[in-house]
Structure formats: C-alpha cells, structure tokens
N, C-alpha and C. Protein backbone atom coordinates (compact mmCIF):
# COMPACT_ATOMS: atom_id res chain seq x y z
N MET A 1 -8.86 -26.30 -1.72
CA MET A 1 -8.83 -24.89 -2.09
C MET A 1 -7.54 -24.26 -1.57
N SER A 2 -6.87 -23.52 -2.38
CA SER A 2 -5.58 -22.96 -1.98
C SER A 2 -5.77 -21.75 -1.09
N ALA A 3 -4.73 -21.44 -0.29
CA ALA A 3 -4.77 -20.28 0.58
C ALA A 3 -4.97 -19.02 -0.23
N GLY A 4 -5.83 -18.14 0.28
CA GLY A 4 -6.05 -16.88 -0.38
C GLY A 4 -7.15 -16.91 -1.41
N GLN A 5 -7.71 -18.11 -1.71
CA GLN A 5 -8.75 -18.20 -2.72
C GLN A 5 -10.11 -18.09 -2.06
N ALA A 6 -10.90 -17.10 -2.43
CA ALA A 6 -12.21 -16.89 -1.82
C ALA A 6 -13.24 -17.82 -2.43
N THR A 7 -14.34 -18.02 -1.72
CA THR A 7 -15.47 -18.78 -2.22
C THR A 7 -16.59 -17.80 -2.52
N PRO A 8 -16.73 -17.35 -3.76
CA PRO A 8 -17.67 -16.27 -4.04
C PRO A 8 -19.12 -16.74 -4.06
N THR A 9 -19.96 -16.08 -3.29
CA THR A 9 -21.40 -16.21 -3.40
C THR A 9 -21.89 -14.86 -3.90
N THR A 10 -21.72 -13.84 -3.11
CA THR A 10 -21.79 -12.48 -3.63
C THR A 10 -20.37 -12.11 -4.03
N SER A 11 -20.20 -10.99 -4.73
CA SER A 11 -18.86 -10.58 -5.12
C SER A 11 -18.07 -10.18 -3.88
N ASP A 12 -16.75 -10.25 -3.99
CA ASP A 12 -15.90 -9.80 -2.88
C ASP A 12 -16.20 -8.36 -2.52
N ALA A 13 -16.39 -7.53 -3.54
CA ALA A 13 -16.63 -6.10 -3.27
C ALA A 13 -17.93 -5.90 -2.51
N ASP A 14 -18.99 -6.56 -2.92
CA ASP A 14 -20.29 -6.40 -2.26
C ASP A 14 -20.27 -6.95 -0.84
N GLU A 15 -19.67 -8.13 -0.67
CA GLU A 15 -19.65 -8.73 0.67
C GLU A 15 -18.74 -7.94 1.60
N SER A 16 -17.62 -7.46 1.10
CA SER A 16 -16.74 -6.63 1.92
C SER A 16 -17.45 -5.37 2.39
N GLN A 17 -18.19 -4.76 1.49
CA GLN A 17 -18.93 -3.54 1.84
C GLN A 17 -20.00 -3.83 2.89
N ARG A 18 -20.69 -4.95 2.74
CA ARG A 18 -21.73 -5.32 3.70
C ARG A 18 -21.15 -5.55 5.09
N VAL A 19 -20.07 -6.32 5.15
CA VAL A 19 -19.48 -6.66 6.45
C VAL A 19 -18.86 -5.42 7.09
N ALA A 20 -18.16 -4.61 6.30
CA ALA A 20 -17.56 -3.39 6.85
C ALA A 20 -18.63 -2.47 7.41
N ALA A 21 -19.76 -2.36 6.72
CA ALA A 21 -20.85 -1.52 7.21
C ALA A 21 -21.37 -2.03 8.55
N MET A 22 -21.46 -3.35 8.70
CA MET A 22 -21.92 -3.92 9.96
C MET A 22 -20.91 -3.71 11.07
N VAL A 23 -19.62 -3.78 10.73
CA VAL A 23 -18.57 -3.50 11.72
C VAL A 23 -18.73 -2.09 12.28
N TRP A 24 -18.87 -1.12 11.38
CA TRP A 24 -18.93 0.27 11.85
C TRP A 24 -20.26 0.60 12.51
N GLN A 25 -21.33 -0.07 12.09
CA GLN A 25 -22.61 0.11 12.76
C GLN A 25 -22.54 -0.40 14.20
N ASP A 26 -21.92 -1.57 14.37
CA ASP A 26 -21.80 -2.13 15.71
C ASP A 26 -20.84 -1.31 16.56
N LEU A 27 -19.79 -0.80 15.92
CA LEU A 27 -18.84 0.04 16.64
C LEU A 27 -19.52 1.30 17.16
N GLU A 28 -20.32 1.94 16.31
CA GLU A 28 -21.04 3.15 16.73
C GLU A 28 -21.98 2.85 17.88
N ALA A 29 -22.69 1.71 17.80
CA ALA A 29 -23.60 1.33 18.87
C ALA A 29 -22.85 1.08 20.17
N THR A 30 -21.69 0.46 20.07
CA THR A 30 -20.90 0.17 21.25
C THR A 30 -20.37 1.44 21.89
N LEU A 31 -19.99 2.41 21.06
CA LEU A 31 -19.53 3.69 21.59
C LEU A 31 -20.56 4.31 22.52
N GLN A 32 -21.82 4.19 22.18
CA GLN A 32 -22.88 4.81 22.96
C GLN A 32 -23.26 3.98 24.19
N MET A 33 -22.75 2.76 24.28
CA MET A 33 -23.07 1.91 25.42
C MET A 33 -22.03 1.99 26.53
N THR A 34 -20.90 2.63 26.25
CA THR A 34 -19.85 2.74 27.26
C THR A 34 -20.30 3.67 28.37
N ASP A 35 -19.60 3.61 29.50
CA ASP A 35 -20.02 4.42 30.65
C ASP A 35 -19.79 5.91 30.43
N ARG A 36 -19.06 6.23 29.37
CA ARG A 36 -18.86 7.64 29.01
C ARG A 36 -18.93 7.73 27.49
N PRO A 37 -20.15 7.83 26.95
CA PRO A 37 -20.28 7.79 25.48
C PRO A 37 -19.45 8.85 24.79
N TRP A 38 -18.82 8.43 23.69
CA TRP A 38 -18.01 9.33 22.88
C TRP A 38 -18.43 9.16 21.43
N SER A 39 -18.17 10.17 20.66
CA SER A 39 -18.35 10.02 19.22
C SER A 39 -17.07 9.43 18.64
N ARG A 40 -17.19 8.88 17.45
CA ARG A 40 -16.01 8.33 16.78
C ARG A 40 -14.95 9.41 16.61
N ALA A 41 -15.37 10.62 16.24
CA ALA A 41 -14.41 11.70 16.02
C ALA A 41 -13.69 12.07 17.32
N GLN A 42 -14.42 12.08 18.44
CA GLN A 42 -13.80 12.44 19.71
C GLN A 42 -12.71 11.44 20.11
N LEU A 43 -12.96 10.17 19.82
CA LEU A 43 -12.00 9.15 20.20
C LEU A 43 -10.85 9.03 19.21
N GLY A 44 -11.02 9.61 18.04
CA GLY A 44 -9.97 9.50 17.03
C GLY A 44 -9.98 8.18 16.30
N VAL A 45 -11.13 7.49 16.30
CA VAL A 45 -11.24 6.23 15.58
C VAL A 45 -11.46 6.55 14.11
N CYS A 46 -10.64 5.98 13.26
CA CYS A 46 -10.78 6.28 11.83
C CYS A 46 -11.27 5.06 11.09
N GLY A 47 -12.24 5.26 10.26
CA GLY A 47 -12.73 4.19 9.39
C GLY A 47 -11.91 4.15 8.12
N PRO A 48 -12.18 3.20 7.24
CA PRO A 48 -11.42 3.07 6.00
C PRO A 48 -11.36 4.34 5.18
N ALA A 49 -12.44 5.15 5.22
CA ALA A 49 -12.46 6.37 4.41
C ALA A 49 -11.48 7.41 4.90
N ARG A 50 -10.94 7.23 6.14
CA ARG A 50 -10.01 8.21 6.66
C ARG A 50 -8.57 7.73 6.64
N LEU A 51 -8.34 6.55 6.06
CA LEU A 51 -6.96 6.12 5.89
C LEU A 51 -6.25 7.11 4.98
N PRO A 52 -5.02 7.52 5.33
CA PRO A 52 -4.32 8.48 4.48
C PRO A 52 -4.01 7.89 3.11
N GLY A 53 -4.26 8.70 2.05
CA GLY A 53 -3.96 8.25 0.70
C GLY A 53 -4.89 7.13 0.27
N SER A 54 -4.35 6.24 -0.56
CA SER A 54 -5.14 5.11 -1.05
C SER A 54 -5.17 3.99 -0.02
N HIS A 55 -6.18 3.15 -0.11
CA HIS A 55 -6.18 1.95 0.70
C HIS A 55 -6.64 0.78 -0.16
N ILE A 56 -6.15 -0.39 0.20
CA ILE A 56 -6.40 -1.60 -0.55
C ILE A 56 -7.37 -2.49 0.22
N LYS A 57 -8.35 -3.03 -0.47
CA LYS A 57 -9.24 -4.02 0.12
C LYS A 57 -8.70 -5.40 -0.24
N LEU A 58 -8.64 -6.26 0.77
CA LEU A 58 -8.07 -7.59 0.58
C LEU A 58 -9.04 -8.66 1.06
N VAL A 59 -8.89 -9.86 0.51
CA VAL A 59 -9.72 -10.99 0.88
C VAL A 59 -8.85 -12.24 0.96
N ARG A 60 -9.28 -13.17 1.80
CA ARG A 60 -8.57 -14.44 1.92
C ARG A 60 -9.61 -15.52 2.16
N GLY A 61 -9.50 -16.63 1.44
CA GLY A 61 -10.40 -17.74 1.61
C GLY A 61 -9.76 -18.86 2.41
N PRO A 62 -10.50 -19.95 2.64
CA PRO A 62 -9.97 -21.06 3.43
C PRO A 62 -8.74 -21.68 2.78
N GLY A 63 -7.96 -22.33 3.59
CA GLY A 63 -6.75 -22.99 3.12
C GLY A 63 -5.74 -23.08 4.24
N ALA A 64 -4.59 -23.59 3.95
CA ALA A 64 -3.55 -23.74 4.96
C ALA A 64 -3.17 -22.39 5.54
N VAL A 65 -2.98 -22.37 6.85
CA VAL A 65 -2.57 -21.16 7.55
C VAL A 65 -1.15 -21.38 8.06
N ASN A 66 -0.24 -20.54 7.59
CA ASN A 66 1.15 -20.69 8.00
C ASN A 66 1.34 -20.20 9.42
N ALA A 67 2.17 -20.91 10.16
CA ALA A 67 2.48 -20.51 11.54
C ALA A 67 3.43 -19.32 11.53
N ALA A 68 3.12 -18.31 12.30
CA ALA A 68 3.98 -17.14 12.42
C ALA A 68 5.01 -17.37 13.52
N ARG A 69 6.17 -16.82 13.31
CA ARG A 69 7.24 -16.98 14.29
C ARG A 69 7.25 -15.80 15.26
N THR A 70 7.12 -16.10 16.51
CA THR A 70 7.20 -15.07 17.54
C THR A 70 7.48 -15.73 18.88
N THR A 71 8.14 -15.00 19.75
CA THR A 71 8.36 -15.49 21.12
C THR A 71 7.29 -14.96 22.06
N LEU A 72 6.36 -14.15 21.52
CA LEU A 72 5.30 -13.58 22.34
C LEU A 72 4.16 -14.59 22.50
N GLU A 73 3.44 -14.47 23.59
CA GLU A 73 2.29 -15.34 23.84
C GLU A 73 1.05 -14.70 23.21
N ILE A 74 0.33 -15.46 22.40
CA ILE A 74 -0.86 -14.96 21.71
C ILE A 74 -2.10 -15.63 22.30
N GLY A 75 -3.11 -14.83 22.63
CA GLY A 75 -4.33 -15.40 23.18
C GLY A 75 -5.45 -14.40 23.22
N THR A 76 -6.62 -14.86 23.67
CA THR A 76 -7.79 -14.01 23.79
C THR A 76 -7.60 -13.00 24.92
N ALA A 77 -8.10 -11.80 24.71
CA ALA A 77 -8.04 -10.76 25.74
C ALA A 77 -9.44 -10.50 26.26
N ALA A 78 -9.62 -10.57 27.56
CA ALA A 78 -10.91 -10.30 28.19
C ALA A 78 -10.68 -9.64 29.54
N GLY A 79 -11.72 -8.98 30.04
CA GLY A 79 -11.61 -8.34 31.35
C GLY A 79 -10.53 -7.27 31.36
N ARG A 80 -9.67 -7.32 32.36
CA ARG A 80 -8.62 -6.32 32.50
C ARG A 80 -7.73 -6.27 31.27
N GLU A 81 -7.45 -7.42 30.69
CA GLU A 81 -6.57 -7.44 29.51
C GLU A 81 -7.23 -6.76 28.31
N ALA A 82 -8.56 -6.78 28.24
CA ALA A 82 -9.24 -6.07 27.16
C ALA A 82 -8.99 -4.58 27.25
N ALA A 83 -9.01 -4.05 28.46
CA ALA A 83 -8.70 -2.63 28.64
C ALA A 83 -7.24 -2.35 28.30
N GLU A 84 -6.34 -3.26 28.67
CA GLU A 84 -4.93 -3.09 28.34
C GLU A 84 -4.74 -3.13 26.82
N ALA A 85 -5.47 -4.04 26.17
CA ALA A 85 -5.38 -4.11 24.71
C ALA A 85 -5.84 -2.80 24.08
N GLY A 86 -6.91 -2.21 24.64
CA GLY A 86 -7.37 -0.92 24.14
C GLY A 86 -6.34 0.17 24.31
N ALA A 87 -5.65 0.15 25.45
CA ALA A 87 -4.60 1.15 25.69
C ALA A 87 -3.46 0.98 24.69
N VAL A 88 -3.12 -0.27 24.37
CA VAL A 88 -2.06 -0.53 23.39
C VAL A 88 -2.46 0.00 22.02
N LEU A 89 -3.71 -0.26 21.60
CA LEU A 89 -4.17 0.23 20.31
C LEU A 89 -4.18 1.75 20.27
N ALA A 90 -4.57 2.37 21.38
CA ALA A 90 -4.57 3.84 21.45
C ALA A 90 -3.17 4.39 21.26
N MET A 91 -2.19 3.80 21.93
CA MET A 91 -0.82 4.27 21.81
C MET A 91 -0.24 3.99 20.43
N ALA A 92 -0.55 2.81 19.88
CA ALA A 92 0.01 2.43 18.59
C ALA A 92 -0.51 3.31 17.45
N HIS A 93 -1.76 3.75 17.57
CA HIS A 93 -2.38 4.52 16.49
C HIS A 93 -2.67 5.97 16.86
N GLU A 94 -2.21 6.38 18.03
CA GLU A 94 -2.40 7.75 18.49
C GLU A 94 -3.88 8.11 18.60
N PHE A 95 -4.69 7.13 19.06
CA PHE A 95 -6.07 7.41 19.39
C PHE A 95 -6.14 8.06 20.77
N GLN A 96 -7.30 8.57 21.12
CA GLN A 96 -7.51 9.08 22.47
C GLN A 96 -7.43 7.91 23.46
N PRO A 97 -6.87 8.14 24.66
CA PRO A 97 -6.75 7.05 25.65
C PRO A 97 -8.08 6.39 25.98
N ASP A 98 -9.18 7.13 25.88
CA ASP A 98 -10.48 6.56 26.21
C ASP A 98 -10.93 5.48 25.24
N ILE A 99 -10.15 5.23 24.18
CA ILE A 99 -10.47 4.13 23.28
C ILE A 99 -10.47 2.81 24.04
N ALA A 100 -9.74 2.76 25.17
CA ALA A 100 -9.69 1.53 25.97
C ALA A 100 -11.08 1.13 26.45
N ARG A 101 -11.94 2.11 26.74
CA ARG A 101 -13.31 1.80 27.15
C ARG A 101 -14.06 1.10 26.02
N LEU A 102 -13.86 1.60 24.82
CA LEU A 102 -14.53 1.02 23.66
C LEU A 102 -14.06 -0.42 23.45
N VAL A 103 -12.76 -0.64 23.46
CA VAL A 103 -12.22 -1.98 23.22
C VAL A 103 -12.68 -2.93 24.32
N TYR A 104 -12.70 -2.47 25.56
CA TYR A 104 -13.19 -3.29 26.66
C TYR A 104 -14.63 -3.73 26.40
N ALA A 105 -15.46 -2.80 25.90
CA ALA A 105 -16.86 -3.12 25.61
C ALA A 105 -16.98 -4.08 24.43
N LEU A 106 -16.13 -3.89 23.42
CA LEU A 106 -16.19 -4.77 22.24
C LEU A 106 -15.90 -6.22 22.62
N ALA A 107 -15.03 -6.42 23.59
CA ALA A 107 -14.66 -7.78 23.98
C ALA A 107 -15.85 -8.57 24.49
N GLU A 108 -16.89 -7.86 24.95
CA GLU A 108 -18.08 -8.52 25.47
C GLU A 108 -19.22 -8.57 24.46
N ARG A 109 -19.01 -8.00 23.28
CA ARG A 109 -20.08 -7.93 22.28
C ARG A 109 -20.13 -9.20 21.43
N PRO A 110 -21.32 -9.59 20.97
CA PRO A 110 -21.39 -10.71 20.02
C PRO A 110 -20.62 -10.37 18.75
N HIS A 111 -20.10 -11.37 18.10
CA HIS A 111 -19.40 -11.27 16.81
C HIS A 111 -17.95 -10.81 16.93
N TRP A 112 -17.55 -10.26 18.07
CA TRP A 112 -16.20 -9.71 18.21
C TRP A 112 -15.28 -10.69 18.93
N HIS A 113 -14.03 -10.71 18.49
CA HIS A 113 -12.98 -11.52 19.13
C HIS A 113 -11.76 -10.62 19.28
N LEU A 114 -11.36 -10.42 20.52
CA LEU A 114 -10.22 -9.54 20.81
C LEU A 114 -9.02 -10.40 21.20
N LEU A 115 -7.90 -10.16 20.52
CA LEU A 115 -6.68 -10.93 20.74
C LEU A 115 -5.57 -10.02 21.27
N ALA A 116 -4.67 -10.62 22.01
CA ALA A 116 -3.53 -9.87 22.54
C ALA A 116 -2.26 -10.68 22.43
N ALA A 117 -1.15 -9.98 22.25
CA ALA A 117 0.18 -10.58 22.35
C ALA A 117 0.78 -10.11 23.66
N ARG A 118 1.35 -11.04 24.41
CA ARG A 118 1.87 -10.72 25.74
C ARG A 118 3.36 -11.03 25.81
N ASP A 119 4.05 -10.21 26.57
CA ASP A 119 5.46 -10.44 26.89
C ASP A 119 5.58 -10.41 28.40
N ALA A 120 5.92 -11.56 28.99
CA ALA A 120 6.01 -11.68 30.44
C ALA A 120 4.70 -11.23 31.11
N GLY A 121 3.57 -11.58 30.50
CA GLY A 121 2.28 -11.26 31.07
C GLY A 121 1.74 -9.88 30.76
N LYS A 122 2.54 -9.06 30.09
CA LYS A 122 2.11 -7.70 29.75
C LYS A 122 1.61 -7.66 28.31
N VAL A 123 0.44 -7.03 28.09
CA VAL A 123 -0.09 -6.89 26.74
C VAL A 123 0.75 -5.88 25.97
N VAL A 124 1.32 -6.31 24.85
CA VAL A 124 2.20 -5.43 24.07
C VAL A 124 1.69 -5.23 22.65
N ALA A 125 0.67 -5.99 22.25
CA ALA A 125 0.07 -5.85 20.93
C ALA A 125 -1.35 -6.38 21.01
N ALA A 126 -2.20 -5.89 20.13
CA ALA A 126 -3.60 -6.31 20.16
C ALA A 126 -4.21 -6.22 18.78
N ALA A 127 -5.30 -6.95 18.58
CA ALA A 127 -6.02 -6.93 17.30
C ALA A 127 -7.42 -7.48 17.54
N ALA A 128 -8.31 -7.17 16.60
CA ALA A 128 -9.69 -7.63 16.73
C ALA A 128 -10.16 -8.31 15.46
N LEU A 129 -11.16 -9.16 15.61
CA LEU A 129 -11.80 -9.86 14.50
C LEU A 129 -13.30 -9.78 14.69
N PHE A 130 -14.01 -9.45 13.62
CA PHE A 130 -15.47 -9.41 13.62
C PHE A 130 -15.96 -10.51 12.69
N VAL A 131 -16.85 -11.39 13.18
CA VAL A 131 -17.37 -12.49 12.37
C VAL A 131 -18.88 -12.41 12.33
N ILE A 132 -19.44 -12.44 11.13
CA ILE A 132 -20.88 -12.44 10.94
C ILE A 132 -21.21 -13.36 9.76
N ASP A 133 -22.19 -14.23 9.95
CA ASP A 133 -22.53 -15.21 8.92
C ASP A 133 -21.26 -16.00 8.55
N ALA A 134 -20.90 -16.04 7.29
CA ALA A 134 -19.71 -16.80 6.88
C ALA A 134 -18.57 -15.88 6.46
N SER A 135 -18.59 -14.67 6.98
CA SER A 135 -17.53 -13.70 6.64
C SER A 135 -16.91 -13.12 7.90
N GLY A 136 -15.65 -12.76 7.79
CA GLY A 136 -14.94 -12.13 8.89
C GLY A 136 -14.24 -10.88 8.42
N TYR A 137 -13.94 -10.01 9.36
CA TYR A 137 -13.29 -8.73 9.06
C TYR A 137 -12.20 -8.49 10.08
N LEU A 138 -10.95 -8.44 9.62
CA LEU A 138 -9.83 -8.14 10.51
C LEU A 138 -9.82 -6.65 10.78
N PHE A 139 -9.95 -6.30 12.04
CA PHE A 139 -10.12 -4.90 12.42
C PHE A 139 -9.08 -4.52 13.46
N ALA A 140 -8.38 -3.45 13.21
CA ALA A 140 -7.49 -2.84 14.20
C ALA A 140 -6.41 -3.80 14.71
N ALA A 141 -5.19 -3.47 14.45
CA ALA A 141 -4.06 -4.19 15.01
C ALA A 141 -2.98 -3.17 15.33
N GLY A 142 -2.36 -3.31 16.46
CA GLY A 142 -1.32 -2.36 16.84
C GLY A 142 -0.35 -2.99 17.82
N THR A 143 0.90 -2.55 17.75
CA THR A 143 1.96 -3.06 18.62
C THR A 143 2.71 -1.89 19.23
N LEU A 144 3.04 -2.02 20.50
CA LEU A 144 3.84 -0.98 21.14
C LEU A 144 5.18 -0.84 20.42
N PRO A 145 5.70 0.38 20.29
CA PRO A 145 7.00 0.56 19.62
C PRO A 145 8.10 -0.31 20.20
N SER A 146 8.05 -0.55 21.49
CA SER A 146 9.10 -1.34 22.15
C SER A 146 9.11 -2.80 21.72
N HIS A 147 8.02 -3.27 21.11
CA HIS A 147 7.91 -4.69 20.77
C HIS A 147 7.66 -4.94 19.29
N ARG A 148 7.92 -3.94 18.47
CA ARG A 148 7.77 -4.14 17.03
C ARG A 148 8.93 -4.97 16.49
N ARG A 149 8.68 -5.60 15.35
CA ARG A 149 9.65 -6.49 14.71
C ARG A 149 9.94 -7.74 15.54
N ARG A 150 8.94 -8.16 16.31
CA ARG A 150 9.07 -9.40 17.07
C ARG A 150 7.98 -10.40 16.69
N GLY A 151 7.31 -10.14 15.57
CA GLY A 151 6.36 -11.12 15.05
C GLY A 151 4.94 -11.00 15.58
N ALA A 152 4.64 -9.96 16.36
CA ALA A 152 3.30 -9.85 16.94
C ALA A 152 2.24 -9.70 15.86
N HIS A 153 2.48 -8.81 14.89
CA HIS A 153 1.48 -8.54 13.86
C HIS A 153 1.15 -9.81 13.07
N ALA A 154 2.18 -10.51 12.63
CA ALA A 154 1.96 -11.74 11.86
C ALA A 154 1.25 -12.79 12.69
N ALA A 155 1.61 -12.90 13.96
CA ALA A 155 1.00 -13.90 14.82
C ALA A 155 -0.47 -13.57 15.10
N LEU A 156 -0.80 -12.30 15.21
CA LEU A 156 -2.19 -11.91 15.44
C LEU A 156 -3.03 -12.14 14.17
N ILE A 157 -2.43 -11.95 13.00
CA ILE A 157 -3.12 -12.29 11.75
C ILE A 157 -3.39 -13.79 11.73
N GLU A 158 -2.37 -14.58 12.02
CA GLU A 158 -2.53 -16.03 12.01
C GLU A 158 -3.64 -16.48 12.94
N ARG A 159 -3.65 -15.98 14.17
CA ARG A 159 -4.65 -16.42 15.13
C ARG A 159 -6.06 -16.02 14.68
N ARG A 160 -6.21 -14.85 14.10
CA ARG A 160 -7.53 -14.44 13.63
C ARG A 160 -7.99 -15.29 12.44
N LEU A 161 -7.07 -15.66 11.58
CA LEU A 161 -7.43 -16.57 10.49
C LEU A 161 -7.94 -17.89 11.04
N ARG A 162 -7.23 -18.44 11.99
CA ARG A 162 -7.62 -19.73 12.55
C ARG A 162 -8.98 -19.65 13.24
N ILE A 163 -9.22 -18.57 13.96
CA ILE A 163 -10.52 -18.40 14.62
C ILE A 163 -11.62 -18.27 13.57
N GLY A 164 -11.39 -17.43 12.58
CA GLY A 164 -12.40 -17.23 11.56
C GLY A 164 -12.77 -18.51 10.84
N PHE A 165 -11.78 -19.28 10.43
CA PHE A 165 -12.06 -20.52 9.71
C PHE A 165 -12.72 -21.55 10.63
N ALA A 166 -12.32 -21.57 11.90
CA ALA A 166 -12.96 -22.49 12.85
C ALA A 166 -14.43 -22.16 13.05
N LEU A 167 -14.79 -20.89 12.87
CA LEU A 167 -16.17 -20.46 13.02
C LEU A 167 -16.96 -20.57 11.72
N GLY A 168 -16.32 -21.09 10.68
CA GLY A 168 -17.03 -21.33 9.43
C GLY A 168 -16.91 -20.24 8.39
N CYS A 169 -15.99 -19.31 8.55
CA CYS A 169 -15.83 -18.24 7.55
C CYS A 169 -15.32 -18.83 6.23
N THR A 170 -15.93 -18.35 5.14
CA THR A 170 -15.43 -18.71 3.82
C THR A 170 -14.64 -17.58 3.20
N ARG A 171 -14.78 -16.37 3.79
CA ARG A 171 -13.98 -15.23 3.36
C ARG A 171 -13.66 -14.35 4.55
N LEU A 172 -12.43 -13.90 4.59
CA LEU A 172 -11.98 -12.94 5.59
C LEU A 172 -11.48 -11.70 4.85
N PHE A 173 -11.94 -10.54 5.29
CA PHE A 173 -11.62 -9.28 4.64
C PHE A 173 -10.78 -8.40 5.55
N CYS A 174 -10.05 -7.48 4.94
CA CYS A 174 -9.36 -6.44 5.69
C CYS A 174 -9.03 -5.30 4.73
N GLU A 175 -8.59 -4.20 5.28
CA GLU A 175 -8.16 -3.06 4.47
C GLU A 175 -6.82 -2.57 4.99
N ALA A 176 -6.01 -2.08 4.09
CA ALA A 176 -4.66 -1.65 4.45
C ALA A 176 -4.24 -0.48 3.58
N GLY A 177 -3.32 0.30 4.10
CA GLY A 177 -2.83 1.45 3.36
C GLY A 177 -2.01 1.06 2.15
N ALA A 178 -2.09 1.89 1.12
CA ALA A 178 -1.34 1.64 -0.12
C ALA A 178 -0.38 2.79 -0.39
N ASP A 179 0.71 2.49 -1.09
CA ASP A 179 1.64 3.55 -1.47
C ASP A 179 1.15 4.21 -2.75
N ASP A 180 1.94 5.12 -3.29
CA ASP A 180 1.51 5.88 -4.47
C ASP A 180 1.30 5.00 -5.70
N SER A 181 1.93 3.82 -5.72
CA SER A 181 1.78 2.93 -6.87
C SER A 181 0.65 1.94 -6.69
N GLY A 182 -0.07 2.04 -5.55
CA GLY A 182 -1.17 1.13 -5.31
C GLY A 182 -0.77 -0.19 -4.69
N CYS A 183 0.47 -0.28 -4.20
CA CYS A 183 0.94 -1.50 -3.55
C CYS A 183 0.83 -1.36 -2.04
N LEU A 184 0.77 -2.51 -1.36
CA LEU A 184 0.71 -2.48 0.10
C LEU A 184 1.92 -1.78 0.68
N ARG A 185 1.68 -0.93 1.66
CA ARG A 185 2.80 -0.32 2.37
C ARG A 185 3.53 -1.40 3.16
N PRO A 186 4.84 -1.23 3.37
CA PRO A 186 5.63 -2.27 4.04
C PRO A 186 5.04 -2.80 5.34
N PRO A 187 4.45 -1.96 6.21
CA PRO A 187 3.92 -2.51 7.46
C PRO A 187 2.82 -3.54 7.27
N PHE A 188 2.19 -3.57 6.08
CA PHE A 188 1.09 -4.49 5.85
C PHE A 188 1.49 -5.70 5.02
N ALA A 189 2.78 -5.88 4.80
CA ALA A 189 3.25 -7.00 3.99
C ALA A 189 2.88 -8.33 4.62
N ASN A 190 2.71 -8.37 5.93
CA ASN A 190 2.32 -9.62 6.59
C ASN A 190 0.99 -10.14 6.07
N LEU A 191 0.11 -9.24 5.66
CA LEU A 191 -1.18 -9.67 5.13
C LEU A 191 -1.00 -10.46 3.84
N ALA A 192 -0.14 -9.97 2.97
CA ALA A 192 0.13 -10.68 1.72
C ALA A 192 0.78 -12.03 2.01
N ARG A 193 1.71 -12.06 2.95
CA ARG A 193 2.37 -13.32 3.29
C ARG A 193 1.39 -14.32 3.89
N ALA A 194 0.33 -13.80 4.52
CA ALA A 194 -0.67 -14.67 5.14
C ALA A 194 -1.72 -15.16 4.13
N GLY A 195 -1.59 -14.76 2.88
CA GLY A 195 -2.48 -15.27 1.85
C GLY A 195 -3.57 -14.33 1.41
N PHE A 196 -3.60 -13.11 1.94
CA PHE A 196 -4.60 -12.15 1.49
C PHE A 196 -4.23 -11.65 0.09
N ARG A 197 -5.26 -11.45 -0.73
CA ARG A 197 -5.03 -10.91 -2.06
C ARG A 197 -5.89 -9.66 -2.24
N PRO A 198 -5.36 -8.67 -2.93
CA PRO A 198 -6.13 -7.44 -3.15
C PRO A 198 -7.21 -7.64 -4.21
N PHE A 199 -8.34 -6.96 -4.02
CA PHE A 199 -9.37 -7.00 -5.05
C PHE A 199 -9.89 -5.62 -5.40
N ALA A 200 -9.42 -4.58 -4.68
CA ALA A 200 -9.85 -3.22 -5.02
C ALA A 200 -8.89 -2.23 -4.38
N VAL A 201 -8.66 -1.12 -5.07
CA VAL A 201 -7.89 -0.01 -4.52
C VAL A 201 -8.83 1.20 -4.50
N CYS A 202 -8.94 1.83 -3.34
CA CYS A 202 -9.87 2.95 -3.17
C CYS A 202 -9.11 4.18 -2.71
N GLU A 203 -9.58 5.33 -3.15
CA GLU A 203 -9.02 6.60 -2.71
C GLU A 203 -9.80 7.08 -1.49
N SER A 204 -9.07 7.55 -0.47
CA SER A 204 -9.73 8.13 0.69
C SER A 204 -10.39 9.43 0.28
N ARG A 205 -11.51 9.68 0.95
CA ARG A 205 -12.24 10.91 0.64
C ARG A 205 -11.96 11.97 1.67
C-alpha cells in the first residue's frame, strides 16, 4: 500500500469525526482533572471549529515513512518535560500559560503520546498524538520562534506516524488551516510532504 493511501472501513469523513470527537471529549475530561480546573475557553484551547477561515481535513494510511532532516533530538516527553512541552505549545500558539498543566496531565492519560524536540536538552518544540482502536489523530504541534525552520515540525510528524503505525493504526487524521483557495497554508506543507492527503474542506463557524 502506498504512503498516504487509507484503508477504508468507515468513510474517512465519518471516522475522522468519530476520532476528533473522542479527542475533544477526553481533552475536556482532562481539563477537569487538573489541580486547577479550567474551561477550554479560559485556557485558549481552540478546536477545529475555531481555526481561522477554512480548514482542511487530511488522512494518511500505512506505507513508507520518510525520514525528516533535523539536528534536534526527538523523543517522548514525560514528567518535567511534559510541562515544558506544554509551555512551548502555549507560547507557540498564544494559549494561556496554564495550558502546561493540561499537557502534563495528557502525558499520563491512556491513548495520548506526547513528543518533544530538544536542543541541548531544552524542549523547543512539542506535539501530541491520540490513538484509539485503529485510528490516530495528530493533535497540537508548536515550535518556539527561536527554533523554527530547523525541521522540528517535520520530525514530530514523522515520529507520530511511526508510533501510530507501530500501534496498528490504519488511518491517521489531522486538520490544518487553508488559504482562500482551499489549499494548505505554507506552515502545514510538511503534512503533504509526509503523505497526508485532503479529503474535506470545512468552513469555521
């Protein structure tokens, strides 16, 4: 099976909707389990419906995973590094700083895999993967401005693909912002290079 080709059991649209709903359900539950519960709005966490303008739903099936070029160290984030990863995501996306509590909690939750890119031991980029049944969902990726254009985003996509396929995923989903013509915005071009293909364009409400 070639890279980017899904194995349909349910339709891509239906399965993407199911998995995304489970992601946000688990996220909401995790928010309330932190030592200082916050609402999604208070933390500034935005779901797909709040992406500015249009957004594209993408899917990728099993197949060869290309190695990304980076000098950064890529690995799992847990414990103190999970909190650091949360702080990086907060800064990268202008979330409230308390998002670090949420990310720290997610690292300990079933189905979640938190990854970090490190430079000299410091977390400079982070991303998450949610896996349920035979589907995965790439969730949240961000890089500090000081370390952009060093391959962190592509490398974090690669690592999540490898984890997902190793866990038996037949489809991996994600969502990304689109320009006025319905094409991926430049920051998300790494997804296309990694074999993701679009299957729907949605307008934010």
